[in-house]
C-alpha atoms as a PDB file:
ATOM      1  CA  VAL A   1      13.795   4.697 -14.497  1.00  0.00           C
ATOM      2  CA  GLN A   2      16.084   7.695 -14.151  1.00  0.00           C
ATOM      3  CA  LEU A   3      17.425   9.449 -11.065  1.00  0.00           C
ATOM      4  CA  GLN A   4      19.166  12.820 -11.385  1.00  0.00           C
ATOM      5  CA  ALA A   5      21.115  14.006  -8.339  1.00  0.00           C
ATOM      6  CA  SER A   6      22.184  17.604  -7.849  1.00  0.00           C
ATOM      7  CA  GLY A   7      23.133  20.140  -5.197  1.00  0.00           C
ATOM      8  CA  GLY A   8      26.642  19.105  -4.276  1.00  0.00           C
ATOM      9  CA  GLY A   9      29.530  21.510  -3.913  1.00  0.00           C
ATOM     10  CA  LEU A  10      32.325  22.828  -1.752  1.00  0.00           C
ATOM     11  CA  VAL A  11      31.412  23.979   1.739  1.00  0.00           C
ATOM     12  CA  GLN A  12      33.338  24.873   4.876  1.00  0.00           C
ATOM     13  CA  PRO A  13      33.087  22.727   8.006  1.00  0.00           C
ATOM     14  CA  GLY A  14      29.899  23.582   9.857  1.00  0.00           C
ATOM     15  CA  GLY A  15      28.164  24.638   6.677  1.00  0.00           C
ATOM     16  CA  SER A  16      25.062  23.289   4.950  1.00  0.00           C
ATOM     17  CA  LEU A  17      24.047  21.855   1.607  1.00  0.00           C
ATOM     18  CA  ARG A  18      20.781  20.541   0.212  1.00  0.00           C
ATOM     19  CA  LEU A  19      20.907  17.665  -2.230  1.00  0.00           C
ATOM     20  CA  SER A  20      18.063  16.886  -4.621  1.00  0.00           C
ATOM     21  CA  CYS A  21      17.236  13.778  -6.601  1.00  0.00           C
ATOM     22  CA  ALA A  22      14.668  14.109  -9.380  1.00  0.00           C
ATOM     23  CA  ALA A  23      13.057  10.868 -10.495  1.00  0.00           C
ATOM     24  CA  VAL A  24      11.149   9.703 -13.563  1.00  0.00           C
ATOM     25  CA  GLY A  25       9.939   6.411 -14.926  1.00  0.00           C
ATOM     26  CA  PHE A  26       8.279   4.743 -11.947  1.00  0.00           C
ATOM     27  CA  ALA A  27       5.584   5.299  -9.314  1.00  0.00           C
ATOM     28  CA  PHE A  28       7.707   7.546  -7.138  1.00  0.00           C
ATOM     29  CA  ARG A  29       5.227   7.822  -4.270  1.00  0.00           C
ATOM     30  CA  LEU A  30       5.121   4.027  -3.813  1.00  0.00           C
ATOM     31  CA  ASN A  31       8.868   3.496  -3.538  1.00  0.00           C
ATOM     32  CA  THR A  32      11.475   3.667  -0.821  1.00  0.00           C
ATOM     33  CA  LEU A  33      14.317   5.970  -1.814  1.00  0.00           C
ATOM     34  CA  GLY A  34      17.700   6.474  -0.265  1.00  0.00           C
ATOM     35  CA  TRP A  35      21.024   8.274  -0.308  1.00  0.00           C
ATOM     36  CA  TYR A  36      24.387   6.559  -0.237  1.00  0.00           C
ATOM     37  CA  ARG A  37      27.883   8.013  -0.342  1.00  0.00           C
ATOM     38  CA  GLN A  38      31.332   6.915  -1.380  1.00  0.00           C
ATOM     39  CA  ALA A  39      34.473   8.582  -0.115  1.00  0.00           C
ATOM     40  CA  PRO A  40      37.811   8.193  -1.942  1.00  0.00           C
ATOM     41  CA  GLY A  41      39.281   4.769  -1.295  1.00  0.00           C
ATOM     42  CA  LYS A  42      36.228   3.554   0.606  1.00  0.00           C
ATOM     43  CA  GLN A  43      33.203   1.434  -0.156  1.00  0.00           C
ATOM     44  CA  ARG A  44      29.836   2.987  -0.854  1.00  0.00           C
ATOM     45  CA  GLU A  45      27.830   3.290   2.354  1.00  0.00           C
ATOM     46  CA  PHE A  46      24.239   3.889   3.369  1.00  0.00           C
ATOM     47  CA  VAL A  47      23.354   7.406   4.522  1.00  0.00           C
ATOM     48  CA  ALA A  48      19.560   7.543   4.860  1.00  0.00           C
ATOM     49  CA  ASP A  49      16.334   6.314   3.339  1.00  0.00           C
ATOM     50  CA  ILE A  50      12.646   7.160   3.364  1.00  0.00           C
ATOM     51  CA  THR A  51       9.701   4.835   2.795  1.00  0.00           C
ATOM     52  CA  SER A  52       6.484   5.486   0.933  1.00  0.00           C
ATOM     53  CA  ASP A  53       4.803   6.464   4.218  1.00  0.00           C
ATOM     54  CA  HIS A  54       7.674   8.922   4.877  1.00  0.00           C
ATOM     55  CA  THR A  55       9.355   6.892   7.596  1.00  0.00           C
ATOM     56  CA  THR A  56      13.040   7.772   7.668  1.00  0.00           C
ATOM     57  CA  SER A  57      16.170   6.015   8.859  1.00  0.00           C
ATOM     58  CA  TYR A  58      19.724   7.330   9.115  1.00  0.00           C
ATOM     59  CA  THR A  59      23.176   5.988   9.652  1.00  0.00           C
ATOM     60  CA  ASP A  60      24.476   6.957  13.090  1.00  0.00           C
ATOM     61  CA  ALA A  61      27.152   9.240  11.648  1.00  0.00           C
ATOM     62  CA  VAL A  62      24.575  11.696  10.277  1.00  0.00           C
ATOM     63  CA  LYS A  63      21.755  11.493  12.835  1.00  0.00           C
ATOM     64  CA  GLY A  64      20.791  14.914  14.113  1.00  0.00           C
ATOM     65  CA  ARG A  65      22.599  16.663  11.248  1.00  0.00           C
ATOM     66  CA  PHE A  66      20.946  15.368   8.060  1.00  0.00           C
ATOM     67  CA  THR A  67      17.230  15.427   7.258  1.00  0.00           C
ATOM     68  CA  LEU A  68      15.687  13.399   4.467  1.00  0.00           C
ATOM     69  CA  SER A  69      12.385  14.344   2.868  1.00  0.00           C
ATOM     70  CA  ARG A  70      10.418  13.684  -0.278  1.00  0.00           C
ATOM     71  CA  ASP A  71       7.944  15.549  -2.470  1.00  0.00           C
ATOM     72  CA  ASP A  72       5.594  13.021  -4.029  1.00  0.00           C
ATOM     73  CA  VAL A  73       4.036  15.656  -6.299  1.00  0.00           C
ATOM     74  CA  ARG A  74       7.324  16.816  -7.828  1.00  0.00           C
ATOM     75  CA  ASN A  75       8.850  13.286  -7.647  1.00  0.00           C
ATOM     76  CA  THR A  76      11.903  14.649  -5.882  1.00  0.00           C
ATOM     77  CA  LEU A  77      13.955  13.445  -2.950  1.00  0.00           C
ATOM     78  CA  PHE A  78      15.834  15.916  -0.738  1.00  0.00           C
ATOM     79  CA  LEU A  79      18.694  15.600   1.720  1.00  0.00           C
ATOM     80  CA  GLN A  80      19.287  18.625   3.936  1.00  0.00           C
ATOM     81  CA  MET A  81      22.803  18.400   5.356  1.00  0.00           C
ATOM     82  CA  ASN A  82      23.735  20.676   8.242  1.00  0.00           C
ATOM     83  CA  SER A  83      26.810  20.930  10.470  1.00  0.00           C
ATOM     84  CA  LEU A  84      28.895  19.329   7.765  1.00  0.00           C
ATOM     85  CA  LYS A  85      32.202  17.759   8.679  1.00  0.00           C
ATOM     86  CA  PRO A  86      35.266  16.937   6.565  1.00  0.00           C
ATOM     87  CA  GLU A  87      34.427  13.252   6.941  1.00  0.00           C
ATOM     88  CA  ASP A  88      31.165  13.887   5.064  1.00  0.00           C
ATOM     89  CA  THR A  89      33.236  14.482   1.920  1.00  0.00           C
ATOM     90  CA  ALA A  90      32.112  11.963  -0.688  1.00  0.00           C
ATOM     91  CA  VAL A  91      30.162  11.441  -3.855  1.00  0.00           C
ATOM     92  CA  TYR A  92      26.505  11.151  -2.890  1.00  0.00           C
ATOM     93  CA  TYR A  93      24.166   8.855  -4.826  1.00  0.00           C
ATOM     94  CA  CYS A  94      20.398   8.496  -4.692  1.00  0.00           C
ATOM     95  CA  LYS A  95      18.921   5.063  -5.167  1.00  0.00           C
ATOM     96  CA  THR A  96      15.651   3.218  -5.468  1.00  0.00           C
ATOM     97  CA  LEU A  97      14.617  -0.392  -5.848  1.00  0.00           C
ATOM     98  CA  TYR A  98      12.128  -1.015  -8.644  1.00  0.00           C
ATOM     99  CA  ARG A  99      10.977  -4.398  -9.906  1.00  0.00           C
ATOM    100  CA  TYR A 100      13.752  -6.179  -7.963  1.00  0.00           C
ATOM    101  CA  ARG A 101      16.524  -4.014  -9.433  1.00  0.00           C
ATOM    102  CA  ASP A 102      18.502  -1.161  -7.899  1.00  0.00           C
ATOM    103  CA  TYR A 103      18.608   2.102  -9.834  1.00  0.00           C
ATOM    104  CA  TRP A 104      21.232   4.729  -9.036  1.00  0.00           C
ATOM    105  CA  GLY A 105      21.598   8.375  -9.833  1.00  0.00           C
ATOM    106  CA  GLN A 106      24.833   9.636 -11.319  1.00  0.00           C
ATOM    107  CA  GLY A 107      26.206  11.036  -8.064  1.00  0.00           C
ATOM    108  CA  THR A 108      26.956  14.538  -6.847  1.00  0.00           C
ATOM    109  CA  GLN A 109      30.236  15.547  -5.200  1.00  0.00           C
ATOM    110  CA  VAL A 110      30.184  17.004  -1.690  1.00  0.00           C
ATOM    111  CA  THR A 111      33.458  18.431  -0.406  1.00  0.00           C
ATOM    112  CA  VAL A 112      33.757  19.785   3.127  1.00  0.00           C
ATOM    113  CA  SER A 113      36.982  21.686   3.562  1.00  0.00           C
ATOM    114  CA  SER A 114      38.326  24.955   4.886  1.00  0.00           C
END
């Protein structure tokens, strides 16, 4: 199982970014996948996840600004982030649970600053 996150960068407040997470090694379409983030000096926290039937859930801090989607043909997870705020600055990780074990991508840095 491998997860490869990409799409991070530096953006001004109010801007947008789209993160991607490419997956190999498991039945992507059958799994729930999620995004987590870790800001400097803080614990890793849940951002959003999406089930195999494309049901999504979001932490309150990103509702209405972030949209999670998945492409079960290309085995890729997406996180569209709009109206970004400085407090969204963090390393973002994609994750899935497979055979009772969590698998994490390597993380992609998102920095929101003017």
